[in-house]
Amino acid sequence: MGGMSDVRLQLLASELESEQRPRVFSAPQGMGRWGLMLHRWRTRRALLQLEDYQLRDIGISWEQARHEASKPFWRD
């Protein structure tokens, strides 16, 4: 058989998805559910306050920052 297995195709799709969506902030270890939601809410608001040069420094565009900041705090 010359085709790719379903497992490999799923792995490839997950690799591509993770490359397209950069992780901006990592939550501290051991944080509870409410703490994690509060962390997301604060960091997403902070993204909107960054200058263009600061966004370039962390490797994202204004559109990516706006997209991330528009997510509800309960979403990953």
PDB file of N, CA and C in Angstrom:
ATOM      1  N   MET A   1       0.848  -1.180   0.000  1.00  0.00           N
ATOM      2  CA  MET A   1       0.000   0.000   0.000  1.00  0.00           C
ATOM      3  C   MET A   1       0.891   1.239   0.000  1.00  0.00           C
ATOM      4  N   GLY A   2       0.532   2.194  -0.835  1.00  0.00           N
ATOM      5  CA  GLY A   2       1.364   3.368  -0.967  1.00  0.00           C
ATOM      6  C   GLY A   2       0.818   4.598  -0.276  1.00  0.00           C
ATOM      7  N   GLY A   3      -0.361   4.521   0.345  1.00  0.00           N
ATOM      8  CA  GLY A   3      -0.964   5.708   0.951  1.00  0.00           C
ATOM      9  C   GLY A   3      -0.536   5.912   2.390  1.00  0.00           C
ATOM     10  N   MET A   4      -0.854   7.072   2.905  1.00  0.00           N
ATOM     11  CA  MET A   4      -0.564   7.368   4.307  1.00  0.00           C
ATOM     12  C   MET A   4      -1.670   6.779   5.173  1.00  0.00           C
ATOM     13  N   SER A   5      -1.312   6.344   6.343  1.00  0.00           N
ATOM     14  CA  SER A   5      -2.318   5.808   7.250  1.00  0.00           C
ATOM     15  C   SER A   5      -3.149   6.944   7.829  1.00  0.00           C
ATOM     16  N   ASP A   6      -4.320   6.594   8.338  1.00  0.00           N
ATOM     17  CA  ASP A   6      -5.192   7.595   8.964  1.00  0.00           C
ATOM     18  C   ASP A   6      -4.521   8.229  10.170  1.00  0.00           C
ATOM     19  N   VAL A   7      -3.743   7.437  10.902  1.00  0.00           N
ATOM     20  CA  VAL A   7      -3.060   7.961  12.093  1.00  0.00           C
ATOM     21  C   VAL A   7      -2.072   9.045  11.683  1.00  0.00           C
ATOM     22  N   ARG A   8      -1.297   8.791  10.643  1.00  0.00           N
ATOM     23  CA  ARG A   8      -0.308   9.781  10.192  1.00  0.00           C
ATOM     24  C   ARG A   8      -0.994  11.033   9.684  1.00  0.00           C
ATOM     25  N   LEU A   9      -2.106  10.885   8.973  1.00  0.00           N
ATOM     26  CA  LEU A   9      -2.826  12.061   8.487  1.00  0.00           C
ATOM     27  C   LEU A   9      -3.367  12.893   9.647  1.00  0.00           C
ATOM     28  N   GLN A  10      -3.841  12.230  10.694  1.00  0.00           N
ATOM     29  CA  GLN A  10      -4.327  12.959  11.869  1.00  0.00           C
ATOM     30  C   GLN A  10      -3.182  13.677  12.565  1.00  0.00           C
ATOM     31  N   LEU A  11      -2.032  13.029  12.674  1.00  0.00           N
ATOM     32  CA  LEU A  11      -0.865  13.672  13.282  1.00  0.00           C
ATOM     33  C   LEU A  11      -0.424  14.876  12.471  1.00  0.00           C
ATOM     34  N   LEU A  12      -0.397  14.722  11.154  1.00  0.00           N
ATOM     35  CA  LEU A  12      -0.010  15.825  10.286  1.00  0.00           C
ATOM     36  C   LEU A  12      -0.972  16.993  10.438  1.00  0.00           C
ATOM     37  N   ALA A  13      -2.272  16.713  10.493  1.00  0.00           N
ATOM     38  CA  ALA A  13      -3.262  17.779  10.660  1.00  0.00           C
ATOM     39  C   ALA A  13      -3.078  18.487  11.995  1.00  0.00           C
ATOM     40  N   SER A  14      -2.803  17.750  13.056  1.00  0.00           N
ATOM     41  CA  SER A  14      -2.623  18.395  14.367  1.00  0.00           C
ATOM     42  C   SER A  14      -1.337  19.215  14.394  1.00  0.00           C
ATOM     43  N   GLU A  15      -0.284  18.755  13.701  1.00  0.00           N
ATOM     44  CA  GLU A  15       0.960  19.529  13.628  1.00  0.00           C
ATOM     45  C   GLU A  15       0.739  20.839  12.885  1.00  0.00           C
ATOM     46  N   LEU A  16       0.003  20.775  11.787  1.00  0.00           N
ATOM     47  CA  LEU A  16      -0.265  21.980  11.016  1.00  0.00           C
ATOM     48  C   LEU A  16      -1.122  22.957  11.801  1.00  0.00           C
ATOM     49  N   GLU A  17      -2.103  22.440  12.522  1.00  0.00           N
ATOM     50  CA  GLU A  17      -2.979  23.298  13.314  1.00  0.00           C
ATOM     51  C   GLU A  17      -2.204  24.005  14.412  1.00  0.00           C
ATOM     52  N   SER A  18      -1.307  23.276  15.078  1.00  0.00           N
ATOM     53  CA  SER A  18      -0.547  23.896  16.162  1.00  0.00           C
ATOM     54  C   SER A  18       0.442  24.930  15.634  1.00  0.00           C
ATOM     55  N   GLU A  19       0.948  24.764  14.406  1.00  0.00           N
ATOM     56  CA  GLU A  19       1.867  25.741  13.828  1.00  0.00           C
ATOM     57  C   GLU A  19       1.137  27.015  13.426  1.00  0.00           C
ATOM     58  N   GLN A  20      -0.115  26.914  13.038  1.00  0.00           N
ATOM     59  CA  GLN A  20      -0.864  28.080  12.585  1.00  0.00           C
ATOM     60  C   GLN A  20      -1.360  28.908  13.751  1.00  0.00           C
ATOM     61  N   ARG A  21      -1.514  28.320  14.904  1.00  0.00           N
ATOM     62  CA  ARG A  21      -2.039  29.031  16.052  1.00  0.00           C
ATOM     63  C   ARG A  21      -0.960  29.142  17.124  1.00  0.00           C
ATOM     64  N   PRO A  22      -0.206  30.222  17.102  1.00  0.00           N
ATOM     65  CA  PRO A  22       0.875  30.333  18.083  1.00  0.00           C
ATOM     66  C   PRO A  22       0.339  30.507  19.497  1.00  0.00           C
ATOM     67  N   ARG A  23       1.025  29.927  20.442  1.00  0.00           N
ATOM     68  CA  ARG A  23       0.683  30.089  21.852  1.00  0.00           C
ATOM     69  C   ARG A  23       1.380  31.348  22.340  1.00  0.00           C
ATOM     70  N   VAL A  24       0.606  32.290  22.814  1.00  0.00           N
ATOM     71  CA  VAL A  24       1.178  33.563  23.230  1.00  0.00           C
ATOM     72  C   VAL A  24       1.643  33.499  24.676  1.00  0.00           C
ATOM     73  N   PHE A  25       0.807  33.013  25.552  1.00  0.00           N
ATOM     74  CA  PHE A  25       1.141  32.940  26.965  1.00  0.00           C
ATOM     75  C   PHE A  25       0.910  31.532  27.474  1.00  0.00           C
ATOM     76  N   SER A  26       1.704  31.120  28.427  1.00  0.00           N
ATOM     77  CA  SER A  26       1.508  29.842  29.096  1.00  0.00           C
ATOM     78  C   SER A  26       1.081  30.139  30.523  1.00  0.00           C
ATOM     79  N   ALA A  27       0.058  29.442  30.952  1.00  0.00           N
ATOM     80  CA  ALA A  27      -0.416  29.630  32.320  1.00  0.00           C
ATOM     81  C   ALA A  27       0.548  28.962  33.287  1.00  0.00           C
ATOM     82  N   PRO A  28       0.722  29.525  34.456  1.00  0.00           N
ATOM     83  CA  PRO A  28       1.587  28.903  35.466  1.00  0.00           C
ATOM     84  C   PRO A  28       1.070  27.524  35.869  1.00  0.00           C
ATOM     85  N   GLN A  29       1.996  26.625  36.197  1.00  0.00           N
ATOM     86  CA  GLN A  29       1.632  25.273  36.613  1.00  0.00           C
ATOM     87  C   GLN A  29       0.875  25.307  37.933  1.00  0.00           C
ATOM     88  N   GLY A  30      -0.042  24.364  38.103  1.00  0.00           N
ATOM     89  CA  GLY A  30      -0.766  24.231  39.364  1.00  0.00           C
ATOM     90  C   GLY A  30      -1.903  25.213  39.543  1.00  0.00           C
ATOM     91  N   MET A  31      -2.244  25.931  38.503  1.00  0.00           N
ATOM     92  CA  MET A  31      -3.306  26.924  38.600  1.00  0.00           C
ATOM     93  C   MET A  31      -4.666  26.217  38.492  1.00  0.00           C
ATOM     94  N   GLY A  32      -5.595  26.590  39.348  1.00  0.00           N
ATOM     95  CA  GLY A  32      -6.937  26.015  39.303  1.00  0.00           C
ATOM     96  C   GLY A  32      -7.746  26.557  38.139  1.00  0.00           C
ATOM     97  N   ARG A  33      -8.944  26.047  37.999  1.00  0.00           N
ATOM     98  CA  ARG A  33      -9.813  26.431  36.889  1.00  0.00           C
ATOM     99  C   ARG A  33     -10.118  27.928  36.883  1.00  0.00           C
ATOM    100  N   TRP A  34     -10.486  28.484  38.042  1.00  0.00           N
ATOM    101  CA  TRP A  34     -10.824  29.909  38.096  1.00  0.00           C
ATOM    102  C   TRP A  34      -9.592  30.772  37.893  1.00  0.00           C
ATOM    103  N   GLY A  35      -8.477  30.333  38.433  1.00  0.00           N
ATOM    104  CA  GLY A  35      -7.231  31.062  38.230  1.00  0.00           C
ATOM    105  C   GLY A  35      -6.811  31.086  36.771  1.00  0.00           C
ATOM    106  N   LEU A  36      -7.008  29.962  36.081  1.00  0.00           N
ATOM    107  CA  LEU A  36      -6.688  29.881  34.669  1.00  0.00           C
ATOM    108  C   LEU A  36      -7.577  30.823  33.853  1.00  0.00           C
ATOM    109  N   MET A  37      -8.857  30.861  34.168  1.00  0.00           N
ATOM    110  CA  MET A  37      -9.766  31.761  33.453  1.00  0.00           C
ATOM    111  C   MET A  37      -9.386  33.223  33.686  1.00  0.00           C
ATOM    112  N   LEU A  38      -9.045  33.543  34.922  1.00  0.00           N
ATOM    113  CA  LEU A  38      -8.624  34.914  35.230  1.00  0.00           C
ATOM    114  C   LEU A  38      -7.320  35.244  34.511  1.00  0.00           C
ATOM    115  N   HIS A  39      -6.387  34.310  34.458  1.00  0.00           N
ATOM    116  CA  HIS A  39      -5.124  34.504  33.747  1.00  0.00           C
ATOM    117  C   HIS A  39      -5.379  34.776  32.266  1.00  0.00           C
ATOM    118  N   ARG A  40      -6.250  33.982  31.647  1.00  0.00           N
ATOM    119  CA  ARG A  40      -6.573  34.191  30.231  1.00  0.00           C
ATOM    120  C   ARG A  40      -7.195  35.564  30.007  1.00  0.00           C
ATOM    121  N   TRP A  41      -8.111  35.937  30.886  1.00  0.00           N
ATOM    122  CA  TRP A  41      -8.799  37.223  30.731  1.00  0.00           C
ATOM    123  C   TRP A  41      -7.801  38.375  30.809  1.00  0.00           C
ATOM    124  N   ARG A  42      -6.903  38.323  31.794  1.00  0.00           N
ATOM    125  CA  ARG A  42      -5.919  39.399  31.969  1.00  0.00           C
ATOM    126  C   ARG A  42      -4.915  39.461  30.821  1.00  0.00           C
ATOM    127  N   THR A  43      -4.388  38.307  30.416  1.00  0.00           N
ATOM    128  CA  THR A  43      -3.373  38.315  29.364  1.00  0.00           C
ATOM    129  C   THR A  43      -3.950  38.693  28.012  1.00  0.00           C
ATOM    130  N   ARG A  44      -5.187  38.311  27.761  1.00  0.00           N
ATOM    131  CA  ARG A  44      -5.809  38.699  26.487  1.00  0.00           C
ATOM    132  C   ARG A  44      -6.090  40.197  26.449  1.00  0.00           C
ATOM    133  N   ARG A  45      -6.452  40.770  27.560  1.00  0.00           N
ATOM    134  CA  ARG A  45      -6.620  42.229  27.615  1.00  0.00           C
ATOM    135  C   ARG A  45      -5.287  42.928  27.449  1.00  0.00           C
ATOM    136  N   ALA A  46      -4.232  42.351  28.027  1.00  0.00           N
ATOM    137  CA  ALA A  46      -2.897  42.946  27.932  1.00  0.00           C
ATOM    138  C   ALA A  46      -2.393  42.930  26.491  1.00  0.00           C
ATOM    139  N   LEU A  47      -2.770  41.932  25.720  1.00  0.00           N
ATOM    140  CA  LEU A  47      -2.360  41.874  24.313  1.00  0.00           C
ATOM    141  C   LEU A  47      -2.801  43.114  23.552  1.00  0.00           C
ATOM    142  N   LEU A  48      -3.994  43.600  23.855  1.00  0.00           N
ATOM    143  CA  LEU A  48      -4.531  44.763  23.135  1.00  0.00           C
ATOM    144  C   LEU A  48      -3.794  46.057  23.477  1.00  0.00           C
ATOM    145  N   GLN A  49      -3.043  46.046  24.552  1.00  0.00           N
ATOM    146  CA  GLN A  49      -2.324  47.247  24.963  1.00  0.00           C
ATOM    147  C   GLN A  49      -0.884  47.295  24.457  1.00  0.00           C
ATOM    148  N   LEU A  50      -0.436  46.227  23.777  1.00  0.00           N
ATOM    149  CA  LEU A  50       0.940  46.188  23.291  1.00  0.00           C
ATOM    150  C   LEU A  50       1.107  47.032  22.033  1.00  0.00           C
ATOM    151  N   GLU A  51       2.257  47.640  21.908  1.00  0.00           N
ATOM    152  CA  GLU A  51       2.603  48.422  20.717  1.00  0.00           C
ATOM    153  C   GLU A  51       3.021  47.474  19.591  1.00  0.00           C
ATOM    154  N   ASP A  52       3.075  47.999  18.358  1.00  0.00           N
ATOM    155  CA  ASP A  52       3.451  47.177  17.209  1.00  0.00           C
ATOM    156  C   ASP A  52       4.823  46.537  17.374  1.00  0.00           C
ATOM    157  N   TYR A  53       5.798  47.293  17.863  1.00  0.00           N
ATOM    158  CA  TYR A  53       7.140  46.730  18.022  1.00  0.00           C
ATOM    159  C   TYR A  53       7.155  45.624  19.078  1.00  0.00           C
ATOM    160  N   GLN A  54       6.301  45.735  20.096  1.00  0.00           N
ATOM    161  CA  GLN A  54       6.229  44.693  21.116  1.00  0.00           C
ATOM    162  C   GLN A  54       5.590  43.422  20.553  1.00  0.00           C
ATOM    163  N   LEU A  55       4.575  43.593  19.722  1.00  0.00           N
ATOM    164  CA  LEU A  55       3.959  42.435  19.082  1.00  0.00           C
ATOM    165  C   LEU A  55       4.943  41.742  18.146  1.00  0.00           C
ATOM    166  N   ARG A  56       5.713  42.523  17.400  1.00  0.00           N
ATOM    167  CA  ARG A  56       6.735  41.937  16.527  1.00  0.00           C
ATOM    168  C   ARG A  56       7.768  41.179  17.351  1.00  0.00           C
ATOM    169  N   ASP A  57       8.089  41.717  18.516  1.00  0.00           N
ATOM    170  CA  ASP A  57       9.080  41.095  19.387  1.00  0.00           C
ATOM    171  C   ASP A  57       8.636  39.704  19.841  1.00  0.00           C
ATOM    172  N   ILE A  58       7.352  39.524  20.097  1.00  0.00           N
ATOM    173  CA  ILE A  58       6.857  38.205  20.508  1.00  0.00           C
ATOM    174  C   ILE A  58       6.404  37.367  19.316  1.00  0.00           C
ATOM    175  N   GLY A  59       6.496  37.928  18.112  1.00  0.00           N
ATOM    176  CA  GLY A  59       6.260  37.142  16.906  1.00  0.00           C
ATOM    177  C   GLY A  59       4.830  37.027  16.442  1.00  0.00           C
ATOM    178  N   ILE A  60       3.993  38.005  16.778  1.00  0.00           N
ATOM    179  CA  ILE A  60       2.616  37.972  16.282  1.00  0.00           C
ATOM    180  C   ILE A  60       2.240  39.316  15.671  1.00  0.00           C
ATOM    181  N   SER A  61       1.237  39.289  14.838  1.00  0.00           N
ATOM    182  CA  SER A  61       0.745  40.512  14.207  1.00  0.00           C
ATOM    183  C   SER A  61      -0.400  41.094  15.035  1.00  0.00           C
ATOM    184  N   TRP A  62      -0.800  42.303  14.674  1.00  0.00           N
ATOM    185  CA  TRP A  62      -1.919  42.948  15.359  1.00  0.00           C
ATOM    186  C   TRP A  62      -3.200  42.142  15.160  1.00  0.00           C
ATOM    187  N   GLU A  63      -3.380  41.586  13.968  1.00  0.00           N
ATOM    188  CA  GLU A  63      -4.575  40.796  13.684  1.00  0.00           C
ATOM    189  C   GLU A  63      -4.611  39.536  14.552  1.00  0.00           C
ATOM    190  N   GLN A  64      -3.460  38.889  14.719  1.00  0.00           N
ATOM    191  CA  GLN A  64      -3.402  37.702  15.573  1.00  0.00           C
ATOM    192  C   GLN A  64      -3.687  38.062  17.027  1.00  0.00           C
ATOM    193  N   ALA A  65      -3.150  39.179  17.480  1.00  0.00           N
ATOM    194  CA  ALA A  65      -3.393  39.628  18.855  1.00  0.00           C
ATOM    195  C   ALA A  65      -4.865  39.947  19.058  1.00  0.00           C
ATOM    196  N   ARG A  66      -5.459  40.631  18.104  1.00  0.00           N
ATOM    197  CA  ARG A  66      -6.883  40.965  18.207  1.00  0.00           C
ATOM    198  C   ARG A  66      -7.742  39.707  18.208  1.00  0.00           C
ATOM    199  N   HIS A  67      -7.377  38.730  17.367  1.00  0.00           N
ATOM    200  CA  HIS A  67      -8.123  37.470  17.317  1.00  0.00           C
ATOM    201  C   HIS A  67      -8.037  36.732  18.653  1.00  0.00           C
ATOM    202  N   GLU A  68      -6.835  36.660  19.211  1.00  0.00           N
ATOM    203  CA  GLU A  68      -6.652  35.984  20.504  1.00  0.00           C
ATOM    204  C   GLU A  68      -7.390  36.727  21.615  1.00  0.00           C
ATOM    205  N   ALA A  69      -7.325  38.049  21.601  1.00  0.00           N
ATOM    206  CA  ALA A  69      -7.960  38.842  22.652  1.00  0.00           C
ATOM    207  C   ALA A  69      -9.487  38.796  22.565  1.00  0.00           C
ATOM    208  N   SER A  70     -10.025  38.486  21.398  1.00  0.00           N
ATOM    209  CA  SER A  70     -11.482  38.450  21.245  1.00  0.00           C
ATOM    210  C   SER A  70     -12.096  37.135  21.721  1.00  0.00           C
ATOM    211  N   LYS A  71     -11.258  36.153  22.048  1.00  0.00           N
ATOM    212  CA  LYS A  71     -11.776  34.874  22.534  1.00  0.00           C
ATOM    213  C   LYS A  71     -12.336  35.053  23.946  1.00  0.00           C
ATOM    214  N   PRO A  72     -13.393  34.333  24.290  1.00  0.00           N
ATOM    215  CA  PRO A  72     -13.873  34.371  25.661  1.00  0.00           C
ATOM    216  C   PRO A  72     -12.851  33.715  26.607  1.00  0.00           C
ATOM    217  N   PHE A  73     -12.837  34.124  27.850  1.00  0.00           N
ATOM    218  CA  PHE A  73     -11.818  33.652  28.786  1.00  0.00           C
ATOM    219  C   PHE A  73     -11.931  32.165  29.086  1.00  0.00           C
ATOM    220  N   TRP A  74     -13.052  31.544  28.812  1.00  0.00           N
ATOM    221  CA  TRP A  74     -13.198  30.121  29.091  1.00  0.00           C
ATOM    222  C   TRP A  74     -12.715  29.237  27.939  1.00  0.00           C
ATOM    223  N   ARG A  75     -12.319  29.864  26.830  1.00  0.00           N
ATOM    224  CA  ARG A  75     -11.797  29.096  25.681  1.00  0.00           C
ATOM    225  C   ARG A  75     -10.286  29.080  25.686  1.00  0.00           C
ATOM    226  N   ASP A  76      -9.719  27.947  25.272  1.00  0.00           N
ATOM    227  CA  ASP A  76      -8.271  27.806  25.168  1.00  0.00           C
ATOM    228  C   ASP A  76      -7.778  28.434  23.885  1.00  0.00           C
TER     229      ASP A  76
END
